[in-house]
N, C-alpha and C. Protein backbone atom coordinates (compact mmCIF):
# COMPACT_ATOMS: atom_id res chain seq x y z
N UNK A 1 22.81 -19.95 7.16
CA UNK A 1 21.68 -20.75 6.77
C UNK A 1 22.14 -22.21 6.75
N UNK A 2 21.21 -23.08 7.07
CA UNK A 2 21.50 -24.51 7.11
C UNK A 2 20.55 -25.24 6.16
N UNK A 3 20.75 -26.52 5.98
CA UNK A 3 19.88 -27.27 5.10
C UNK A 3 18.47 -27.40 5.70
N UNK A 4 18.40 -27.79 6.97
CA UNK A 4 17.10 -27.98 7.61
C UNK A 4 16.97 -27.03 8.79
N UNK A 5 15.94 -26.21 8.73
CA UNK A 5 15.66 -25.25 9.78
C UNK A 5 14.47 -24.41 9.37
N UNK A 6 13.92 -23.65 10.30
CA UNK A 6 12.75 -22.83 9.96
C UNK A 6 13.06 -21.88 8.81
N UNK A 7 12.14 -21.76 7.89
CA UNK A 7 12.32 -20.82 6.78
C UNK A 7 12.30 -19.40 7.33
N UNK A 8 13.17 -18.55 6.83
CA UNK A 8 13.18 -17.16 7.29
C UNK A 8 11.87 -16.45 6.93
N UNK A 9 11.47 -15.55 7.77
CA UNK A 9 10.24 -14.79 7.55
C UNK A 9 10.62 -13.33 7.30
N UNK A 10 9.77 -12.62 6.58
CA UNK A 10 10.04 -11.21 6.30
C UNK A 10 9.93 -10.40 7.61
N UNK A 11 10.77 -9.38 7.76
CA UNK A 11 10.79 -8.61 9.00
C UNK A 11 9.44 -8.02 9.42
N UNK A 12 8.61 -7.61 8.47
CA UNK A 12 7.32 -7.01 8.85
C UNK A 12 6.42 -8.02 9.55
N UNK A 13 6.56 -9.30 9.23
CA UNK A 13 5.77 -10.33 9.92
C UNK A 13 6.42 -10.74 11.23
N UNK A 14 7.74 -10.79 11.26
CA UNK A 14 8.45 -11.10 12.50
C UNK A 14 8.11 -10.05 13.57
N UNK A 15 7.96 -8.81 13.17
CA UNK A 15 7.60 -7.74 14.11
C UNK A 15 6.25 -7.99 14.77
N UNK A 16 5.42 -8.83 14.16
CA UNK A 16 4.09 -9.12 14.70
C UNK A 16 4.05 -10.42 15.50
N UNK A 17 5.20 -11.07 15.66
CA UNK A 17 5.25 -12.32 16.41
C UNK A 17 4.77 -12.12 17.84
N UNK A 18 4.04 -13.09 18.32
CA UNK A 18 3.70 -13.15 19.73
C UNK A 18 4.95 -13.61 20.48
N UNK A 19 5.03 -13.37 21.78
CA UNK A 19 6.26 -13.73 22.51
C UNK A 19 6.70 -15.19 22.32
N UNK A 20 5.78 -16.14 22.36
CA UNK A 20 6.15 -17.55 22.23
C UNK A 20 6.75 -17.86 20.85
N UNK A 21 6.39 -17.08 19.85
CA UNK A 21 6.84 -17.33 18.48
C UNK A 21 8.32 -16.96 18.31
N UNK A 22 8.80 -16.07 19.12
CA UNK A 22 10.18 -15.57 18.98
C UNK A 22 11.21 -16.66 19.24
N UNK A 23 10.82 -17.73 19.89
CA UNK A 23 11.72 -18.86 20.12
C UNK A 23 12.23 -19.40 18.79
N UNK A 24 11.43 -19.34 17.75
CA UNK A 24 11.84 -19.83 16.43
C UNK A 24 13.02 -19.05 15.87
N UNK A 25 13.21 -17.83 16.32
CA UNK A 25 14.31 -17.01 15.83
C UNK A 25 15.66 -17.46 16.38
N UNK A 26 15.64 -18.34 17.39
CA UNK A 26 16.88 -18.84 17.98
C UNK A 26 17.55 -19.90 17.12
N UNK A 27 16.83 -20.44 16.14
CA UNK A 27 17.37 -21.50 15.30
C UNK A 27 17.82 -20.95 13.97
N UNK A 28 18.91 -21.54 13.45
CA UNK A 28 19.38 -21.13 12.13
C UNK A 28 18.30 -21.40 11.11
N UNK A 29 18.02 -20.45 10.24
CA UNK A 29 17.05 -20.70 9.18
C UNK A 29 17.60 -21.74 8.20
N UNK A 30 16.69 -22.42 7.53
CA UNK A 30 17.12 -23.46 6.60
C UNK A 30 16.40 -23.39 5.27
N UNK A 31 16.82 -24.26 4.39
CA UNK A 31 16.21 -24.33 3.06
C UNK A 31 14.89 -25.07 3.09
N UNK A 32 14.73 -25.99 4.04
CA UNK A 32 13.51 -26.77 4.15
C UNK A 32 13.30 -27.17 5.60
N UNK A 33 12.08 -27.51 5.93
CA UNK A 33 11.74 -28.05 7.24
C UNK A 33 10.33 -28.62 7.15
N UNK A 34 9.88 -29.32 8.19
CA UNK A 34 8.54 -29.91 8.12
C UNK A 34 7.43 -28.89 7.86
N UNK A 35 7.56 -27.69 8.38
CA UNK A 35 6.53 -26.67 8.15
C UNK A 35 6.48 -26.27 6.68
N UNK A 36 7.62 -26.19 6.04
CA UNK A 36 7.65 -25.87 4.60
C UNK A 36 6.97 -26.97 3.80
N UNK A 37 7.18 -28.20 4.20
CA UNK A 37 6.53 -29.32 3.51
C UNK A 37 5.03 -29.30 3.75
N UNK A 38 4.63 -29.05 4.98
CA UNK A 38 3.20 -29.02 5.33
C UNK A 38 2.46 -27.93 4.56
N UNK A 39 3.10 -26.79 4.38
CA UNK A 39 2.44 -25.65 3.74
C UNK A 39 3.00 -25.39 2.34
N UNK A 40 3.42 -26.44 1.66
CA UNK A 40 3.99 -26.25 0.33
C UNK A 40 3.00 -25.69 -0.68
N UNK A 41 1.71 -25.83 -0.39
CA UNK A 41 0.67 -25.28 -1.28
C UNK A 41 -0.01 -24.06 -0.65
N UNK A 42 0.72 -23.31 0.14
CA UNK A 42 0.08 -22.19 0.84
C UNK A 42 -0.45 -21.13 -0.12
N UNK A 43 0.14 -20.99 -1.27
CA UNK A 43 -0.37 -20.04 -2.25
C UNK A 43 -1.80 -20.36 -2.66
N UNK A 44 -2.05 -21.63 -2.90
CA UNK A 44 -3.41 -22.06 -3.24
C UNK A 44 -4.36 -21.87 -2.07
N UNK A 45 -3.88 -22.17 -0.88
CA UNK A 45 -4.69 -21.98 0.33
C UNK A 45 -5.06 -20.50 0.49
N UNK A 46 -4.11 -19.63 0.28
CA UNK A 46 -4.37 -18.19 0.44
C UNK A 46 -5.34 -17.66 -0.61
N UNK A 47 -5.39 -18.31 -1.76
CA UNK A 47 -6.35 -17.90 -2.79
C UNK A 47 -7.79 -18.15 -2.38
N UNK A 48 -8.00 -18.97 -1.38
CA UNK A 48 -9.36 -19.35 -0.99
C UNK A 48 -9.94 -18.48 0.12
N UNK A 49 -9.17 -17.53 0.64
CA UNK A 49 -9.65 -16.71 1.77
C UNK A 49 -9.84 -15.26 1.32
N UNK A 50 -10.71 -14.56 2.05
CA UNK A 50 -11.01 -13.17 1.70
C UNK A 50 -9.85 -12.21 1.95
N UNK A 51 -9.12 -12.42 3.05
CA UNK A 51 -8.01 -11.54 3.41
C UNK A 51 -6.75 -12.39 3.58
N UNK A 52 -6.04 -12.66 2.48
CA UNK A 52 -4.90 -13.56 2.53
C UNK A 52 -3.81 -13.14 3.52
N UNK A 53 -3.50 -11.86 3.58
CA UNK A 53 -2.43 -11.42 4.48
C UNK A 53 -2.82 -11.66 5.95
N UNK A 54 -4.03 -11.32 6.28
CA UNK A 54 -4.50 -11.54 7.66
C UNK A 54 -4.51 -13.03 8.00
N UNK A 55 -4.98 -13.84 7.07
CA UNK A 55 -5.00 -15.28 7.29
C UNK A 55 -3.59 -15.82 7.45
N UNK A 56 -2.68 -15.33 6.63
CA UNK A 56 -1.28 -15.75 6.72
C UNK A 56 -0.71 -15.43 8.10
N UNK A 57 -0.90 -14.20 8.53
CA UNK A 57 -0.34 -13.75 9.82
C UNK A 57 -0.99 -14.48 11.00
N UNK A 58 -2.30 -14.62 10.96
CA UNK A 58 -3.02 -15.16 12.12
C UNK A 58 -3.14 -16.68 12.16
N UNK A 59 -3.05 -17.32 11.02
CA UNK A 59 -3.25 -18.78 10.97
C UNK A 59 -2.00 -19.54 10.51
N UNK A 60 -1.47 -19.15 9.37
CA UNK A 60 -0.37 -19.93 8.80
C UNK A 60 0.93 -19.74 9.57
N UNK A 61 1.29 -18.51 9.84
CA UNK A 61 2.56 -18.27 10.55
C UNK A 61 2.58 -18.99 11.90
N UNK A 62 1.56 -18.85 12.75
CA UNK A 62 1.61 -19.58 14.02
C UNK A 62 1.69 -21.10 13.83
N UNK A 63 0.98 -21.62 12.84
CA UNK A 63 1.05 -23.07 12.59
C UNK A 63 2.45 -23.49 12.16
N UNK A 64 3.05 -22.72 11.27
CA UNK A 64 4.42 -23.03 10.84
C UNK A 64 5.39 -23.00 12.01
N UNK A 65 5.24 -22.01 12.86
CA UNK A 65 6.15 -21.90 14.00
C UNK A 65 5.95 -23.06 14.96
N UNK A 66 4.72 -23.45 15.23
CA UNK A 66 4.46 -24.61 16.10
C UNK A 66 5.13 -25.87 15.53
N UNK A 67 4.96 -26.08 14.25
CA UNK A 67 5.56 -27.25 13.60
C UNK A 67 7.08 -27.19 13.72
N UNK A 68 7.66 -26.04 13.43
CA UNK A 68 9.11 -25.89 13.48
C UNK A 68 9.66 -26.07 14.89
N UNK A 69 9.00 -25.50 15.87
CA UNK A 69 9.46 -25.64 17.26
C UNK A 69 9.36 -27.09 17.72
N UNK A 70 8.28 -27.74 17.37
CA UNK A 70 8.13 -29.15 17.72
C UNK A 70 9.24 -29.97 17.08
N UNK A 71 9.52 -29.70 15.82
CA UNK A 71 10.58 -30.43 15.13
C UNK A 71 11.93 -30.20 15.80
N UNK A 72 12.23 -28.97 16.14
CA UNK A 72 13.52 -28.67 16.77
C UNK A 72 13.69 -29.40 18.11
N UNK A 73 12.60 -29.59 18.84
CA UNK A 73 12.67 -30.28 20.14
C UNK A 73 13.01 -31.76 19.98
N UNK A 74 12.57 -32.38 18.90
CA UNK A 74 12.76 -33.82 18.74
C UNK A 74 13.73 -34.18 17.61
N UNK A 75 14.38 -33.20 17.08
CA UNK A 75 15.24 -33.36 15.92
C UNK A 75 16.41 -34.31 16.18
N UNK A 76 16.71 -35.15 15.17
CA UNK A 76 17.90 -36.00 15.21
C UNK A 76 18.32 -36.30 13.77
N UNK A 77 19.36 -37.07 13.61
CA UNK A 77 19.88 -37.33 12.27
C UNK A 77 18.84 -38.03 11.39
N UNK A 78 18.15 -39.01 11.94
CA UNK A 78 17.14 -39.72 11.16
C UNK A 78 15.99 -38.80 10.73
N UNK A 79 15.55 -37.93 11.64
CA UNK A 79 14.46 -37.01 11.28
C UNK A 79 14.93 -36.02 10.21
N UNK A 80 16.18 -35.58 10.30
CA UNK A 80 16.71 -34.68 9.27
C UNK A 80 16.76 -35.38 7.91
N UNK A 81 17.21 -36.62 7.89
CA UNK A 81 17.25 -37.38 6.63
C UNK A 81 15.85 -37.56 6.06
N UNK A 82 14.90 -37.79 6.94
CA UNK A 82 13.52 -37.95 6.50
C UNK A 82 13.01 -36.66 5.84
N UNK A 83 13.32 -35.51 6.44
CA UNK A 83 12.90 -34.23 5.86
C UNK A 83 13.55 -34.03 4.50
N UNK A 84 14.82 -34.37 4.38
CA UNK A 84 15.52 -34.23 3.09
C UNK A 84 14.86 -35.12 2.04
N UNK A 85 14.57 -36.36 2.40
CA UNK A 85 13.93 -37.28 1.44
C UNK A 85 12.54 -36.79 1.06
N UNK A 86 11.77 -36.35 2.03
CA UNK A 86 10.43 -35.82 1.73
C UNK A 86 10.50 -34.60 0.83
N UNK A 87 11.48 -33.73 1.10
CA UNK A 87 11.66 -32.53 0.28
C UNK A 87 12.00 -32.90 -1.16
N UNK A 88 12.92 -33.83 -1.32
CA UNK A 88 13.29 -34.27 -2.67
C UNK A 88 12.10 -34.90 -3.39
N UNK A 89 11.30 -35.65 -2.66
CA UNK A 89 10.10 -36.25 -3.25
C UNK A 89 9.13 -35.18 -3.74
N UNK A 90 8.97 -34.13 -2.96
CA UNK A 90 8.08 -33.03 -3.36
C UNK A 90 8.66 -32.31 -4.59
N UNK A 91 9.94 -32.01 -4.53
CA UNK A 91 10.58 -31.28 -5.63
C UNK A 91 10.51 -32.07 -6.93
N UNK A 92 10.70 -33.37 -6.83
CA UNK A 92 10.73 -34.20 -8.04
C UNK A 92 9.40 -34.90 -8.31
N UNK A 93 8.34 -34.45 -7.61
CA UNK A 93 7.00 -34.88 -7.92
C UNK A 93 6.60 -36.28 -7.55
N UNK A 94 7.08 -36.78 -6.48
CA UNK A 94 6.69 -38.14 -6.05
C UNK A 94 5.80 -38.08 -4.86
């Protein structure tokens, strides 16, 4: 595991990945990444839908993977530092 990388997903959801989504499995999982920051309130979001698991699988997971793959393509030291700073701001309420 690394500091910045896609958050690991539970195996039952990984088994449902579409072929393009499997590219995310090539990267070391991390403690934080832009997708984690974007969906930091996913629990509240899931409370608003009729079928949270289906919504998670069909909407949130693909969005998280798109964000993570995009980040990995353009990743550099400055972008990593930015993610760390944004994460600390979220954790410490700023």
